[in-house]
Amino acid sequence: MTIEQFVSQWGLLGLFGGALLEGETFAILGGLFARRGLLSLPLVMLVLTVGSFTADQIWFYLGRHFREHPRVKRMLAGEKARQALAMLERRPIPFLFSFRFIWGIRTVSPIIIGTSNVSARLYLLLNALAAVSWALIFSTIGYALGRVAEQLLGSLARFEHVMLVAVLPLLLLALLGAWAGRRIAGQIRKR
């Protein structure tokens, strides 16, 4: 399967799903695909923004509506959650805007924010602004990496099979790692 076939089969829908689950990898790939002319960069940015925004809104409302659930309470007792809550309490606006850029607390933060007394309206506004910024930054990184790779290697079309063989396993490993990390964290929290 060539990159063109992969993108034509999954394209923007694949990027949307990736932004819901494992954002940065898919955002960078979206930028790379746009550099290759396989997708429109503005559409890539839009889809990534909507995917990231949607995922974080869902997690926020789950935190808001299930704050008394034992699983959420266990999660809030964890070290990463305590760190995120401390950052939220110290500097709420900068934290609301930047949590998606902080590795290690990115996935738990929307739930934690949902359990706090941050208003849903404020979260909606800052989540939208942050999602736009995040999508612009990471897809631009992918676009720039494609440009650098083209300058170093020449046309990327000659390397599409190598890229596909290298990128797909890396994506699968990233998704598997994220899934395993969440399962392990859940097991640790249960103890």
C-alpha atoms as a PDB file:
ATOM      1  CA  MET A   1       0.000   0.000   0.000  1.00  0.00           C
ATOM      2  CA  THR A   2       1.409   3.385  -0.959  1.00  0.00           C
ATOM      3  CA  ILE A   3       1.100   6.496   1.177  1.00  0.00           C
ATOM      4  CA  GLU A   4      -1.345   7.896  -1.376  1.00  0.00           C
ATOM      5  CA  GLN A   5      -3.547   4.801  -0.999  1.00  0.00           C
ATOM      6  CA  PHE A   6      -3.352   4.963   2.782  1.00  0.00           C
ATOM      7  CA  VAL A   7      -4.244   8.652   2.840  1.00  0.00           C
ATOM      8  CA  SER A   8      -6.998   8.243   0.262  1.00  0.00           C
ATOM      9  CA  GLN A   9      -8.486   5.396   2.301  1.00  0.00           C
ATOM     10  CA  TRP A  10      -8.296   7.080   5.713  1.00  0.00           C
ATOM     11  CA  GLY A  11      -7.307  10.694   4.963  1.00  0.00           C
ATOM     12  CA  LEU A  12      -8.907  13.372   7.077  1.00  0.00           C
ATOM     13  CA  LEU A  13     -11.064  10.849   8.940  1.00  0.00           C
ATOM     14  CA  GLY A  14      -7.901   9.047  10.056  1.00  0.00           C
ATOM     15  CA  LEU A  15      -6.408  12.334  11.230  1.00  0.00           C
ATOM     16  CA  PHE A  16      -9.602  13.153  13.129  1.00  0.00           C
ATOM     17  CA  GLY A  17      -9.512   9.781  14.896  1.00  0.00           C
ATOM     18  CA  GLY A  18      -5.823  10.192  15.595  1.00  0.00           C
ATOM     19  CA  ALA A  19      -6.393  13.653  17.095  1.00  0.00           C
ATOM     20  CA  LEU A  20      -9.027  12.121  19.374  1.00  0.00           C
ATOM     21  CA  LEU A  21      -6.613   9.461  20.618  1.00  0.00           C
ATOM     22  CA  GLU A  22      -2.919  10.180  20.149  1.00  0.00           C
ATOM     23  CA  GLY A  23      -2.728  13.699  18.855  1.00  0.00           C
ATOM     24  CA  GLU A  24       0.824  14.831  18.183  1.00  0.00           C
ATOM     25  CA  THR A  25       1.859  11.892  16.013  1.00  0.00           C
ATOM     26  CA  PHE A  26      -1.144  12.317  13.749  1.00  0.00           C
ATOM     27  CA  ALA A  27      -0.807  16.098  13.668  1.00  0.00           C
ATOM     28  CA  ILE A  28       2.784  15.795  12.472  1.00  0.00           C
ATOM     29  CA  LEU A  29       1.772  13.160   9.922  1.00  0.00           C
ATOM     30  CA  GLY A  30      -1.007  15.446   8.705  1.00  0.00           C
ATOM     31  CA  GLY A  31       1.575  18.155   8.094  1.00  0.00           C
ATOM     32  CA  LEU A  32       3.802  15.671   6.257  1.00  0.00           C
ATOM     33  CA  PHE A  33       0.879  14.554   4.071  1.00  0.00           C
ATOM     34  CA  ALA A  34       0.065  18.185   3.317  1.00  0.00           C
ATOM     35  CA  ARG A  35       3.679  18.808   2.330  1.00  0.00           C
ATOM     36  CA  ARG A  36       3.452  15.886  -0.086  1.00  0.00           C
ATOM     37  CA  GLY A  37       0.316  17.435  -1.591  1.00  0.00           C
ATOM     38  CA  LEU A  38      -1.861  14.536  -0.437  1.00  0.00           C
ATOM     39  CA  LEU A  39      -4.024  16.692   1.831  1.00  0.00           C
ATOM     40  CA  SER A  40      -4.786  20.374   2.145  1.00  0.00           C
ATOM     41  CA  LEU A  41      -2.858  21.965   5.027  1.00  0.00           C
ATOM     42  CA  PRO A  42      -5.777  24.223   6.069  1.00  0.00           C
ATOM     43  CA  LEU A  43      -8.110  21.180   6.120  1.00  0.00           C
ATOM     44  CA  VAL A  44      -5.532  19.187   8.101  1.00  0.00           C
ATOM     45  CA  MET A  45      -5.355  22.005  10.650  1.00  0.00           C
ATOM     46  CA  LEU A  46      -9.148  22.248  10.842  1.00  0.00           C
ATOM     47  CA  VAL A  47      -9.664  18.495  11.300  1.00  0.00           C
ATOM     48  CA  LEU A  48      -6.935  18.292  13.946  1.00  0.00           C
ATOM     49  CA  THR A  49      -8.429  21.256  15.797  1.00  0.00           C
ATOM     50  CA  VAL A  50     -11.904  19.725  15.816  1.00  0.00           C
ATOM     51  CA  GLY A  51     -10.598  16.292  16.868  1.00  0.00           C
ATOM     52  CA  SER A  52      -8.479  17.604  19.713  1.00  0.00           C
ATOM     53  CA  PHE A  53     -11.179  20.015  20.876  1.00  0.00           C
ATOM     54  CA  THR A  54     -13.853  17.310  20.784  1.00  0.00           C
ATOM     55  CA  ALA A  55     -11.806  14.789  22.772  1.00  0.00           C
ATOM     56  CA  ASP A  56     -10.957  17.301  25.485  1.00  0.00           C
ATOM     57  CA  GLN A  57     -14.555  18.527  25.732  1.00  0.00           C
ATOM     58  CA  ILE A  58     -15.759  14.947  26.179  1.00  0.00           C
ATOM     59  CA  TRP A  59     -13.175  14.273  28.912  1.00  0.00           C
ATOM     60  CA  PHE A  60     -14.061  17.555  30.621  1.00  0.00           C
ATOM     61  CA  TYR A  61     -17.769  16.682  30.756  1.00  0.00           C
ATOM     62  CA  LEU A  62     -17.028  13.151  31.926  1.00  0.00           C
ATOM     63  CA  GLY A  63     -15.020  14.661  34.791  1.00  0.00           C
ATOM     64  CA  ARG A  64     -17.782  17.155  35.489  1.00  0.00           C
ATOM     65  CA  HIS A  65     -20.582  14.581  35.589  1.00  0.00           C
ATOM     66  CA  PHE A  66     -18.740  11.668  37.192  1.00  0.00           C
ATOM     67  CA  ARG A  67     -16.585  13.483  39.747  1.00  0.00           C
ATOM     68  CA  GLU A  68     -17.967  11.304  42.551  1.00  0.00           C
ATOM     69  CA  HIS A  69     -17.395   8.037  40.707  1.00  0.00           C
ATOM     70  CA  PRO A  70     -14.831   5.793  42.476  1.00  0.00           C
ATOM     71  CA  ARG A  71     -12.683   5.476  39.339  1.00  0.00           C
ATOM     72  CA  VAL A  72     -12.454   9.268  38.953  1.00  0.00           C
ATOM     73  CA  LYS A  73     -11.684   9.656  42.664  1.00  0.00           C
ATOM     74  CA  ARG A  74      -8.863   7.097  42.352  1.00  0.00           C
ATOM     75  CA  MET A  75      -7.520   8.946  39.339  1.00  0.00           C
ATOM     76  CA  LEU A  76      -7.578  12.241  41.250  1.00  0.00           C
ATOM     77  CA  ALA A  77      -5.537  10.638  44.015  1.00  0.00           C
ATOM     78  CA  GLY A  78      -2.668   9.883  41.611  1.00  0.00           C
ATOM     79  CA  GLU A  79       0.556  11.908  41.518  1.00  0.00           C
ATOM     80  CA  LYS A  80       0.051  13.244  37.976  1.00  0.00           C
ATOM     81  CA  ALA A  81      -3.466  14.372  38.850  1.00  0.00           C
ATOM     82  CA  ARG A  82      -2.244  16.135  41.999  1.00  0.00           C
ATOM     83  CA  GLN A  83       0.457  17.915  39.972  1.00  0.00           C
ATOM     84  CA  ALA A  84      -2.068  19.011  37.349  1.00  0.00           C
ATOM     85  CA  LEU A  85      -4.525  20.212  40.007  1.00  0.00           C
ATOM     86  CA  ALA A  86      -1.775  22.205  41.735  1.00  0.00           C
ATOM     87  CA  MET A  87      -0.883  23.879  38.426  1.00  0.00           C
ATOM     88  CA  LEU A  88      -4.557  24.574  37.741  1.00  0.00           C
ATOM     89  CA  GLU A  89      -5.022  26.176  41.165  1.00  0.00           C
ATOM     90  CA  ARG A  90      -1.832  28.298  40.913  1.00  0.00           C
ATOM     91  CA  ARG A  91      -2.378  29.648  37.404  1.00  0.00           C
ATOM     92  CA  PRO A  92      -5.771  28.581  36.018  1.00  0.00           C
ATOM     93  CA  ILE A  93      -5.808  30.512  32.719  1.00  0.00           C
ATOM     94  CA  PRO A  94      -2.273  29.579  31.576  1.00  0.00           C
ATOM     95  CA  PHE A  95      -2.886  25.977  32.638  1.00  0.00           C
ATOM     96  CA  LEU A  96      -6.196  25.753  30.764  1.00  0.00           C
ATOM     97  CA  PHE A  97      -4.478  27.021  27.648  1.00  0.00           C
ATOM     98  CA  SER A  98      -1.292  24.945  27.908  1.00  0.00           C
ATOM     99  CA  PHE A  99      -2.077  21.543  29.467  1.00  0.00           C
ATOM    100  CA  ARG A 100      -2.263  19.848  26.054  1.00  0.00           C
ATOM    101  CA  PHE A 101       1.390  20.754  25.501  1.00  0.00           C
ATOM    102  CA  ILE A 102       2.582  19.230  28.816  1.00  0.00           C
ATOM    103  CA  TRP A 103       3.616  15.616  28.396  1.00  0.00           C
ATOM    104  CA  GLY A 104       2.516  13.332  31.211  1.00  0.00           C
ATOM    105  CA  ILE A 105      -0.595  15.246  32.256  1.00  0.00           C
ATOM    106  CA  ARG A 106      -2.194  15.916  28.898  1.00  0.00           C
ATOM    107  CA  THR A 107      -4.753  13.114  29.033  1.00  0.00           C
ATOM    108  CA  VAL A 108      -5.804  13.450  32.681  1.00  0.00           C
ATOM    109  CA  SER A 109      -6.063  17.243  32.685  1.00  0.00           C
ATOM    110  CA  PRO A 110      -9.483  17.658  31.019  1.00  0.00           C
ATOM    111  CA  ILE A 111     -11.017  15.241  33.538  1.00  0.00           C
ATOM    112  CA  ILE A 112      -9.318  17.033  36.426  1.00  0.00           C
ATOM    113  CA  ILE A 113     -10.481  20.399  35.110  1.00  0.00           C
ATOM    114  CA  GLY A 114     -13.991  18.949  34.830  1.00  0.00           C
ATOM    115  CA  THR A 115     -13.942  18.035  38.526  1.00  0.00           C
ATOM    116  CA  SER A 116     -12.823  21.545  39.493  1.00  0.00           C
ATOM    117  CA  ASN A 117     -14.971  24.647  39.737  1.00  0.00           C
ATOM    118  CA  VAL A 118     -13.716  26.039  36.395  1.00  0.00           C
ATOM    119  CA  SER A 119     -16.773  27.171  34.459  1.00  0.00           C
ATOM    120  CA  ALA A 120     -17.764  25.169  31.393  1.00  0.00           C
ATOM    121  CA  ARG A 121     -17.911  28.387  29.355  1.00  0.00           C
ATOM    122  CA  LEU A 122     -14.338  29.396  30.257  1.00  0.00           C
ATOM    123  CA  TYR A 123     -13.086  25.883  29.517  1.00  0.00           C
ATOM    124  CA  LEU A 124     -14.900  25.844  26.169  1.00  0.00           C
ATOM    125  CA  LEU A 125     -13.309  29.131  25.109  1.00  0.00           C
ATOM    126  CA  LEU A 126      -9.760  28.293  26.206  1.00  0.00           C
ATOM    127  CA  ASN A 127     -10.012  24.723  24.923  1.00  0.00           C
ATOM    128  CA  ALA A 128     -10.996  26.071  21.495  1.00  0.00           C
ATOM    129  CA  LEU A 129      -8.102  28.550  21.433  1.00  0.00           C
ATOM    130  CA  ALA A 130      -5.635  25.934  22.638  1.00  0.00           C
ATOM    131  CA  ALA A 131      -6.871  23.340  20.124  1.00  0.00           C
ATOM    132  CA  VAL A 132      -6.348  25.803  17.269  1.00  0.00           C
ATOM    133  CA  SER A 133      -2.851  26.663  18.512  1.00  0.00           C
ATOM    134  CA  TRP A 134      -1.944  23.010  19.018  1.00  0.00           C
ATOM    135  CA  ALA A 135      -3.134  22.025  15.534  1.00  0.00           C
ATOM    136  CA  LEU A 136      -1.292  24.905  13.884  1.00  0.00           C
ATOM    137  CA  ILE A 137       1.947  24.190  15.726  1.00  0.00           C
ATOM    138  CA  PHE A 138       2.130  20.415  15.265  1.00  0.00           C
ATOM    139  CA  SER A 139       0.892  20.266  11.678  1.00  0.00           C
ATOM    140  CA  THR A 140       3.361  23.026  10.802  1.00  0.00           C
ATOM    141  CA  ILE A 141       6.130  20.972  12.414  1.00  0.00           C
ATOM    142  CA  GLY A 142       5.137  18.039  10.187  1.00  0.00           C
ATOM    143  CA  TYR A 143       5.033  20.288   7.140  1.00  0.00           C
ATOM    144  CA  ALA A 144       8.477  21.704   7.968  1.00  0.00           C
ATOM    145  CA  LEU A 145       9.907  18.220   8.597  1.00  0.00           C
ATOM    146  CA  GLY A 146       8.674  17.195   5.152  1.00  0.00           C
ATOM    147  CA  ARG A 147      10.402  20.203   3.639  1.00  0.00           C
ATOM    148  CA  VAL A 148      13.668  19.407   5.436  1.00  0.00           C
ATOM    149  CA  ALA A 149      13.417  15.746   4.396  1.00  0.00           C
ATOM    150  CA  GLU A 150      12.868  16.785   0.776  1.00  0.00           C
ATOM    151  CA  GLN A 151      15.899  19.050   0.902  1.00  0.00           C
ATOM    152  CA  LEU A 152      18.026  16.245   2.333  1.00  0.00           C
ATOM    153  CA  LEU A 153      16.645  13.321   0.336  1.00  0.00           C
ATOM    154  CA  GLY A 154      15.155  14.868  -2.777  1.00  0.00           C
ATOM    155  CA  SER A 155      11.630  13.858  -3.720  1.00  0.00           C
ATOM    156  CA  LEU A 156       9.864  12.019  -0.922  1.00  0.00           C
ATOM    157  CA  ALA A 157       7.973   9.956  -3.491  1.00  0.00           C
ATOM    158  CA  ARG A 158      11.067   7.760  -3.907  1.00  0.00           C
ATOM    159  CA  PHE A 159      10.894   6.911  -0.208  1.00  0.00           C
ATOM    160  CA  GLU A 160       7.141   6.476   0.235  1.00  0.00           C
ATOM    161  CA  HIS A 161       7.310   2.717   0.723  1.00  0.00           C
ATOM    162  CA  VAL A 162      10.094   3.071   3.265  1.00  0.00           C
ATOM    163  CA  MET A 163       8.164   5.829   5.027  1.00  0.00           C
ATOM    164  CA  LEU A 164       4.992   3.766   5.079  1.00  0.00           C
ATOM    165  CA  VAL A 165       6.821   0.706   6.380  1.00  0.00           C
ATOM    166  CA  ALA A 166       8.504   2.862   9.053  1.00  0.00           C
ATOM    167  CA  VAL A 167       5.568   5.095   9.985  1.00  0.00           C
ATOM    168  CA  LEU A 168       2.797   2.498  10.325  1.00  0.00           C
ATOM    169  CA  PRO A 169       4.636   0.379  12.904  1.00  0.00           C
ATOM    170  CA  LEU A 170       5.590   3.536  14.798  1.00  0.00           C
ATOM    171  CA  LEU A 171       1.962   4.649  14.836  1.00  0.00           C
ATOM    172  CA  LEU A 172       0.847   1.235  16.005  1.00  0.00           C
ATOM    173  CA  LEU A 173       3.525   1.240  18.701  1.00  0.00           C
ATOM    174  CA  ALA A 174       2.479   4.724  19.836  1.00  0.00           C
ATOM    175  CA  LEU A 175      -1.159   3.655  20.072  1.00  0.00           C
ATOM    176  CA  LEU A 176      -0.244   0.388  21.795  1.00  0.00           C
ATOM    177  CA  GLY A 177       2.024   2.263  24.201  1.00  0.00           C
ATOM    178  CA  ALA A 178      -0.697   4.762  25.051  1.00  0.00           C
ATOM    179  CA  TRP A 179      -3.203   1.965  25.594  1.00  0.00           C
ATOM    180  CA  ALA A 180      -0.771  -0.097  27.717  1.00  0.00           C
ATOM    181  CA  GLY A 181       0.224   2.957  29.737  1.00  0.00           C
ATOM    182  CA  ARG A 182      -3.381   3.686  30.575  1.00  0.00           C
ATOM    183  CA  ARG A 183      -4.028   0.064  31.528  1.00  0.00           C
ATOM    184  CA  ILE A 184      -0.951  -0.060  33.750  1.00  0.00           C
ATOM    185  CA  ALA A 185      -1.843   3.269  35.345  1.00  0.00           C
ATOM    186  CA  GLY A 186      -5.355   1.966  35.969  1.00  0.00           C
ATOM    187  CA  GLN A 187      -3.968  -1.193  37.593  1.00  0.00           C
ATOM    188  CA  ILE A 188      -1.661   0.848  39.808  1.00  0.00           C
ATOM    189  CA  ARG A 189      -4.512   3.129  40.872  1.00  0.00           C
ATOM    190  CA  LYS A 190      -6.653   0.123  41.833  1.00  0.00           C
ATOM    191  CA  ARG A 191      -4.046  -1.039  44.357  1.00  0.00           C
END
